[in-house]
Amino acid sequence: MNVFKTIDKVLAAFGNVRAMERTHVDTFTENLIKSIKGKKIAQSEYGQLFVSFQHLANYEFLNISVISATNIKTLKGCKLVFESNNQTSTLISDTKEIESDFSNVSNRYLTKVSFVIDEKEKKMISSGNFEKVFLNFKKKSIPMAKC
């Protein structure tokens, strides 16, 4: 393995673009992952969900950060579904164009999305009145359980 890394470094020095991409260390995204603001409310083997609230111009926003191995890239937005015993609450993203940032250091993606919420939904999320959370996008879903 060490031989391949050495070869990549030599090729990168000669200007090989693919070798440069393989040897590049992404400290920007890794620093974003380490300094996520908010509270972790859900996690699973597929990812972690961090939330923070923001009040702007009489609107309440839920800002989420998802760390997962899944690359999320869509122009149609996503849905955040909270499930409890017999209820589901679905939030539709205010952000329509969503693209994940990849960190080759930890081999994870960081995705940030905003949702417009009302006071009832904010209370439900902050008090933890849910069992499971699903982030649905395109035809995929990232399931997470409350932590």
Protein backbone atom coordinates (compact mmCIF):
# COMPACT_ATOMS: atom_id res chain seq x y z
CA MET A 1 0.00 0.00 0.00
CA ASN A 2 2.80 2.38 0.85
CA VAL A 3 4.30 1.88 -2.61
CA PHE A 4 1.10 3.09 -4.27
CA LYS A 5 1.03 6.24 -2.14
CA THR A 6 4.62 6.99 -3.13
CA ILE A 7 3.79 6.47 -6.81
CA ASP A 8 0.77 8.78 -6.46
CA LYS A 9 2.97 11.48 -4.92
CA VAL A 10 5.46 11.22 -7.79
CA LEU A 11 2.68 11.32 -10.40
CA ALA A 12 1.09 14.30 -8.65
CA ALA A 13 4.42 16.12 -8.75
CA PHE A 14 4.48 15.61 -12.53
CA GLY A 15 0.99 17.09 -12.84
CA ASN A 16 -1.25 14.03 -13.02
CA VAL A 17 -4.71 15.34 -12.02
CA ARG A 18 -6.10 12.02 -10.76
CA ALA A 19 -3.04 11.43 -8.60
CA MET A 20 -3.42 14.95 -7.19
CA GLU A 21 -7.04 14.21 -6.28
CA ARG A 22 -6.08 10.97 -4.53
CA THR A 23 -3.28 12.57 -2.50
CA HIS A 24 -5.23 15.73 -1.60
CA VAL A 25 -6.11 16.03 2.08
CA ASP A 26 -9.41 17.87 2.54
CA THR A 27 -9.00 19.82 5.76
CA PHE A 28 -11.83 22.28 5.00
CA THR A 29 -14.66 19.73 5.08
CA GLU A 30 -13.06 17.84 7.95
CA ASN A 31 -12.97 21.06 10.02
CA LEU A 32 -16.65 21.63 9.19
CA ILE A 33 -17.48 18.12 10.40
CA LYS A 34 -15.56 18.60 13.65
CA SER A 35 -17.18 21.98 14.41
CA ILE A 36 -20.85 21.26 13.69
CA LYS A 37 -23.14 23.58 15.61
CA GLY A 38 -26.25 22.14 17.13
CA LYS A 39 -27.42 19.13 19.05
CA LYS A 40 -27.25 15.53 17.87
CA ILE A 41 -30.83 14.20 17.98
CA ALA A 42 -30.61 11.02 15.91
CA GLN A 43 -28.09 8.49 14.67
CA SER A 44 -27.77 5.10 13.05
CA GLU A 45 -25.18 3.08 11.20
CA TYR A 46 -26.11 5.16 8.14
CA GLY A 47 -25.55 8.61 9.59
CA GLN A 48 -25.89 11.23 12.31
CA LEU A 49 -28.38 14.13 12.46
CA PHE A 50 -27.52 17.44 14.13
CA VAL A 51 -30.11 20.23 14.47
CA SER A 52 -30.08 23.92 15.34
CA PHE A 53 -32.84 26.53 15.29
CA GLN A 54 -32.69 29.99 13.76
CA HIS A 55 -35.21 32.84 13.80
CA LEU A 56 -35.16 35.19 10.78
CA ALA A 57 -37.79 37.78 9.76
CA ASN A 58 -40.73 36.18 11.61
CA TYR A 59 -39.83 32.71 10.31
CA GLU A 60 -38.46 29.85 12.35
CA PHE A 61 -35.87 27.69 10.59
CA LEU A 62 -34.59 24.23 11.41
CA ASN A 63 -31.03 23.83 10.14
CA ILE A 64 -29.85 20.24 9.95
CA SER A 65 -26.43 18.77 9.34
CA VAL A 66 -26.23 15.15 8.28
CA ILE A 67 -22.96 13.21 8.44
CA SER A 68 -23.22 10.00 6.46
CA ALA A 69 -21.57 7.78 3.90
CA THR A 70 -24.29 8.75 1.41
CA ASN A 71 -23.70 11.45 -1.18
CA ILE A 72 -26.84 13.57 -1.43
CA LYS A 73 -27.20 15.60 -4.60
CA THR A 74 -30.62 16.81 -5.74
CA LEU A 75 -32.34 19.86 -7.19
CA LYS A 76 -35.77 18.93 -5.81
CA GLY A 77 -35.12 19.19 -2.08
CA CYS A 78 -35.79 16.55 0.54
CA LYS A 79 -38.20 15.61 3.30
CA LEU A 80 -37.48 15.06 6.97
CA VAL A 81 -39.99 12.63 8.50
CA PHE A 82 -40.37 12.31 12.28
CA GLU A 83 -42.20 9.18 13.46
CA SER A 84 -43.55 8.53 16.93
CA ASN A 85 -45.87 5.78 18.17
CA ASN A 86 -48.80 6.55 15.89
CA GLN A 87 -47.93 9.93 14.36
CA THR A 88 -45.76 11.16 11.53
CA SER A 89 -44.67 14.72 10.96
CA THR A 90 -43.18 15.60 7.58
CA LEU A 91 -41.05 18.68 6.94
CA ILE A 92 -40.31 19.77 3.37
CA SER A 93 -36.95 21.43 2.85
CA ASP A 94 -36.70 25.13 2.16
CA THR A 95 -33.39 24.42 0.44
CA LYS A 96 -34.12 22.86 -2.96
CA GLU A 97 -30.59 22.50 -4.30
CA ILE A 98 -28.77 20.14 -1.96
CA GLU A 99 -25.22 18.91 -2.41
CA SER A 100 -23.00 17.07 0.05
CA ASP A 101 -19.40 18.00 0.83
CA PHE A 102 -17.01 15.03 0.87
CA SER A 103 -14.10 14.63 3.27
CA ASN A 104 -11.49 12.17 2.09
CA VAL A 105 -9.89 12.20 5.54
CA SER A 106 -12.83 10.54 7.30
CA ASN A 107 -14.47 9.21 4.12
CA ARG A 108 -17.82 10.85 5.02
CA TYR A 109 -20.21 13.36 3.49
CA LEU A 110 -21.55 16.47 5.24
CA THR A 111 -24.93 17.73 4.06
CA LYS A 112 -26.63 20.90 5.31
CA VAL A 113 -30.35 21.58 4.75
CA SER A 114 -32.83 24.19 6.05
CA PHE A 115 -36.53 23.73 6.83
CA VAL A 116 -39.22 26.29 7.68
CA ILE A 117 -41.03 25.08 10.80
CA ASP A 118 -43.73 26.31 13.15
CA GLU A 119 -43.70 26.50 16.93
CA LYS A 120 -45.42 23.10 17.35
CA GLU A 121 -42.77 21.32 15.27
CA LYS A 122 -39.97 23.13 17.09
CA LYS A 123 -41.36 22.00 20.44
CA MET A 124 -41.67 18.39 19.22
CA ILE A 125 -38.07 18.32 17.97
CA SER A 126 -36.48 20.08 20.93
CA SER A 127 -38.35 17.94 23.49
CA GLY A 128 -37.57 14.71 21.60
CA ASN A 129 -41.17 13.52 21.08
CA PHE A 130 -40.29 11.10 18.29
CA GLU A 131 -38.87 7.62 17.87
CA LYS A 132 -37.36 7.61 14.37
CA VAL A 133 -36.24 10.14 11.79
CA PHE A 134 -36.01 9.58 8.04
CA LEU A 135 -34.27 11.88 5.58
CA ASN A 136 -35.94 11.17 2.23
CA PHE A 137 -34.48 12.44 -1.05
CA LYS A 138 -34.98 11.28 -4.61
CA LYS A 139 -35.95 7.62 -4.14
CA LYS A 140 -33.59 7.05 -1.21
CA SER A 141 -33.91 7.32 2.54
CA ILE A 142 -31.51 7.59 5.48
CA PRO A 143 -33.17 6.07 8.59
CA MET A 144 -32.06 7.17 12.05
CA ALA A 145 -33.24 6.50 15.60
CA LYS A 146 -33.46 9.03 18.41
CA CYS A 147 -30.35 9.13 20.57
